[in-house]
C-alpha atoms as a PDB file:
ATOM      1  CA  MET A   1     -37.595  21.382   7.917  1.00  0.00           C
ATOM      2  CA  ASN A   2     -37.215  17.561   8.091  1.00  0.00           C
ATOM      3  CA  ARG A   3     -36.231  17.493   4.429  1.00  0.00           C
ATOM      4  CA  TYR A   4     -33.241  19.821   5.110  1.00  0.00           C
ATOM      5  CA  ILE A   5     -32.074  17.732   8.054  1.00  0.00           C
ATOM      6  CA  LEU A   6     -32.163  14.605   5.856  1.00  0.00           C
ATOM      7  CA  ILE A   7     -30.190  16.340   3.095  1.00  0.00           C
ATOM      8  CA  GLY A   8     -27.629  17.614   5.614  1.00  0.00           C
ATOM      9  CA  LEU A   9     -27.164  14.160   7.144  1.00  0.00           C
ATOM     10  CA  SER A  10     -26.802  12.633   3.683  1.00  0.00           C
ATOM     11  CA  VAL A  11     -24.080  15.129   2.774  1.00  0.00           C
ATOM     12  CA  LEU A  12     -22.248  14.418   6.037  1.00  0.00           C
ATOM     13  CA  ALA A  13     -22.448  10.671   5.388  1.00  0.00           C
ATOM     14  CA  LEU A  14     -21.002  11.094   1.879  1.00  0.00           C
ATOM     15  CA  ILE A  15     -18.163  13.269   3.171  1.00  0.00           C
ATOM     16  CA  SER A  16     -17.380  10.711   5.884  1.00  0.00           C
ATOM     17  CA  LEU A  17     -17.283   7.853   3.374  1.00  0.00           C
ATOM     18  CA  PHE A  18     -15.029   9.827   1.040  1.00  0.00           C
ATOM     19  CA  ALA A  19     -12.641  10.658   3.901  1.00  0.00           C
ATOM     20  CA  PHE A  20     -12.555   7.018   5.043  1.00  0.00           C
ATOM     21  CA  PHE A  21     -11.791   5.537   1.626  1.00  0.00           C
ATOM     22  CA  SER A  22      -9.276   8.214   0.641  1.00  0.00           C
ATOM     23  CA  ASP A  23      -7.212   7.482   3.778  1.00  0.00           C
ATOM     24  CA  GLU A  24      -4.314   5.254   2.687  1.00  0.00           C
ATOM     25  CA  SER A  25      -4.295   3.387   5.994  1.00  0.00           C
ATOM     26  CA  ASN A  26      -7.725   1.963   5.075  1.00  0.00           C
ATOM     27  CA  ALA A  27      -6.605   0.759   1.641  1.00  0.00           C
ATOM     28  CA  ASP A  28      -6.213  -2.922   0.896  1.00  0.00           C
ATOM     29  CA  TYR A  29      -2.713  -4.251   0.409  1.00  0.00           C
ATOM     30  CA  ASP A  30      -1.711  -7.296  -1.622  1.00  0.00           C
ATOM     31  CA  TYR A  31       1.120  -8.650   0.538  1.00  0.00           C
ATOM     32  CA  SER A  32       2.779  -8.048   3.880  1.00  0.00           C
ATOM     33  CA  GLY A  33       6.124  -9.256   5.106  1.00  0.00           C
ATOM     34  CA  ILE A  34       9.713  -8.546   6.029  1.00  0.00           C
ATOM     35  CA  VAL A  35      11.817  -6.449   3.636  1.00  0.00           C
ATOM     36  CA  HIS A  36      15.441  -7.493   3.145  1.00  0.00           C
ATOM     37  CA  ASP A  37      18.401  -6.895   0.807  1.00  0.00           C
ATOM     38  CA  VAL A  38      17.443  -3.285  -0.028  1.00  0.00           C
ATOM     39  CA  LYS A  39      19.534  -1.878  -2.891  1.00  0.00           C
ATOM     40  CA  GLN A  40      19.296   1.506  -4.588  1.00  0.00           C
ATOM     41  CA  SER A  41      18.876   1.595  -8.360  1.00  0.00           C
ATOM     42  CA  SER A  42      19.017   4.612 -10.677  1.00  0.00           C
ATOM     43  CA  ASN A  43      15.263   5.310 -10.322  1.00  0.00           C
ATOM     44  CA  GLY A  44      14.247   3.702  -7.039  1.00  0.00           C
ATOM     45  CA  PHE A  45      14.894   0.775  -4.733  1.00  0.00           C
ATOM     46  CA  LEU A  46      15.006  -2.984  -5.234  1.00  0.00           C
ATOM     47  CA  PHE A  47      14.371  -5.340  -2.338  1.00  0.00           C
ATOM     48  CA  TYR A  48      12.991  -8.739  -1.432  1.00  0.00           C
ATOM     49  CA  LEU A  49       9.746  -9.203   0.477  1.00  0.00           C
ATOM     50  CA  ASP A  50       9.482 -12.357   2.574  1.00  0.00           C
ATOM     51  CA  THR A  51       5.805 -13.075   3.301  1.00  0.00           C
ATOM     52  CA  GLY A  52       6.469 -16.292   5.184  1.00  0.00           C
ATOM     53  CA  SER A  53       5.105 -18.457   2.382  1.00  0.00           C
ATOM     54  CA  GLU A  54       7.018 -16.852  -0.487  1.00  0.00           C
ATOM     55  CA  ASP A  55       9.912 -14.491  -1.162  1.00  0.00           C
ATOM     56  CA  PHE A  56       9.901 -12.203  -4.200  1.00  0.00           C
ATOM     57  CA  ARG A  57      11.777  -9.236  -5.634  1.00  0.00           C
ATOM     58  CA  CYS A  58      10.163  -5.797  -5.550  1.00  0.00           C
ATOM     59  CA  TYR A  59      10.767  -2.366  -7.050  1.00  0.00           C
ATOM     60  CA  CYS A  60       9.617   0.802  -5.265  1.00  0.00           C
ATOM     61  CA  SER A  61      10.322   4.527  -5.614  1.00  0.00           C
ATOM     62  CA  GLU A  62      10.352   4.869  -1.794  1.00  0.00           C
ATOM     63  CA  GLN A  63      13.142   3.422   0.328  1.00  0.00           C
ATOM     64  CA  PRO A  64      11.984   0.826   2.863  1.00  0.00           C
ATOM     65  CA  MET A  65      14.030   0.037   5.958  1.00  0.00           C
ATOM     66  CA  ASP A  66      15.984  -3.203   5.790  1.00  0.00           C
ATOM     67  CA  LEU A  67      14.324  -5.887   7.964  1.00  0.00           C
ATOM     68  CA  GLY A  68      11.210  -3.708   8.371  1.00  0.00           C
ATOM     69  CA  TYR A  69       7.687  -5.119   8.349  1.00  0.00           C
ATOM     70  CA  TYR A  70       5.676  -3.647   5.443  1.00  0.00           C
ATOM     71  CA  ALA A  71       2.436  -4.019   3.508  1.00  0.00           C
ATOM     72  CA  VAL A  72       2.611  -3.469  -0.259  1.00  0.00           C
ATOM     73  CA  ARG A  73       0.143  -3.039  -3.094  1.00  0.00           C
ATOM     74  CA  GLY A  74       1.036  -3.290  -6.770  1.00  0.00           C
ATOM     75  CA  SER A  75       1.407  -5.757  -9.608  1.00  0.00           C
ATOM     76  CA  PHE A  76       3.868  -8.277 -10.987  1.00  0.00           C
ATOM     77  CA  SER A  77       5.727  -7.819 -14.255  1.00  0.00           C
ATOM     78  CA  GLN A  78       4.544  -9.878 -17.218  1.00  0.00           C
ATOM     79  CA  ASP A  79       7.181 -12.523 -16.545  1.00  0.00           C
ATOM     80  CA  ASN A  80       6.395 -12.496 -12.768  1.00  0.00           C
ATOM     81  CA  LYS A  81      10.051 -11.798 -11.911  1.00  0.00           C
ATOM     82  CA  ILE A  82       9.495  -8.468 -10.138  1.00  0.00           C
ATOM     83  CA  PHE A  83       6.660  -6.891  -8.167  1.00  0.00           C
ATOM     84  CA  PHE A  84       6.138  -3.186  -8.930  1.00  0.00           C
ATOM     85  CA  VAL A  85       5.035  -1.491  -5.711  1.00  0.00           C
ATOM     86  CA  GLU A  86       2.344   1.188  -6.105  1.00  0.00           C
ATOM     87  CA  ALA A  87       1.884   1.779  -2.360  1.00  0.00           C
ATOM     88  CA  ILE A  88       3.930   0.748   0.656  1.00  0.00           C
ATOM     89  CA  ARG A  89       3.100   1.123   4.354  1.00  0.00           C
ATOM     90  CA  SER A  90       5.168   0.345   7.425  1.00  0.00           C
ATOM     91  CA  LEU A  91       3.340  -1.988   9.810  1.00  0.00           C
ATOM     92  CA  GLU A  92       5.688  -1.434  12.734  1.00  0.00           C
END
């Protein structure tokens, strides 16, 4: 009987961990800051993200609100001129 309780608790622990790490609000983000100068392009949106210590251009398929506070995750282009956003989350 104790063996089945241990197996059941193990399964519940695994399910809980999977649910926690699959929740996007628990994901790590690379930068956070104020979005400004949002412009629509043919395939998405271009904007600047001001982190307080730096300001860089971003591309995202989702439209952020101008002057909104966001966290972003992604990667820079090879020439470091644009940051391609993979995930964006409003922090307001």
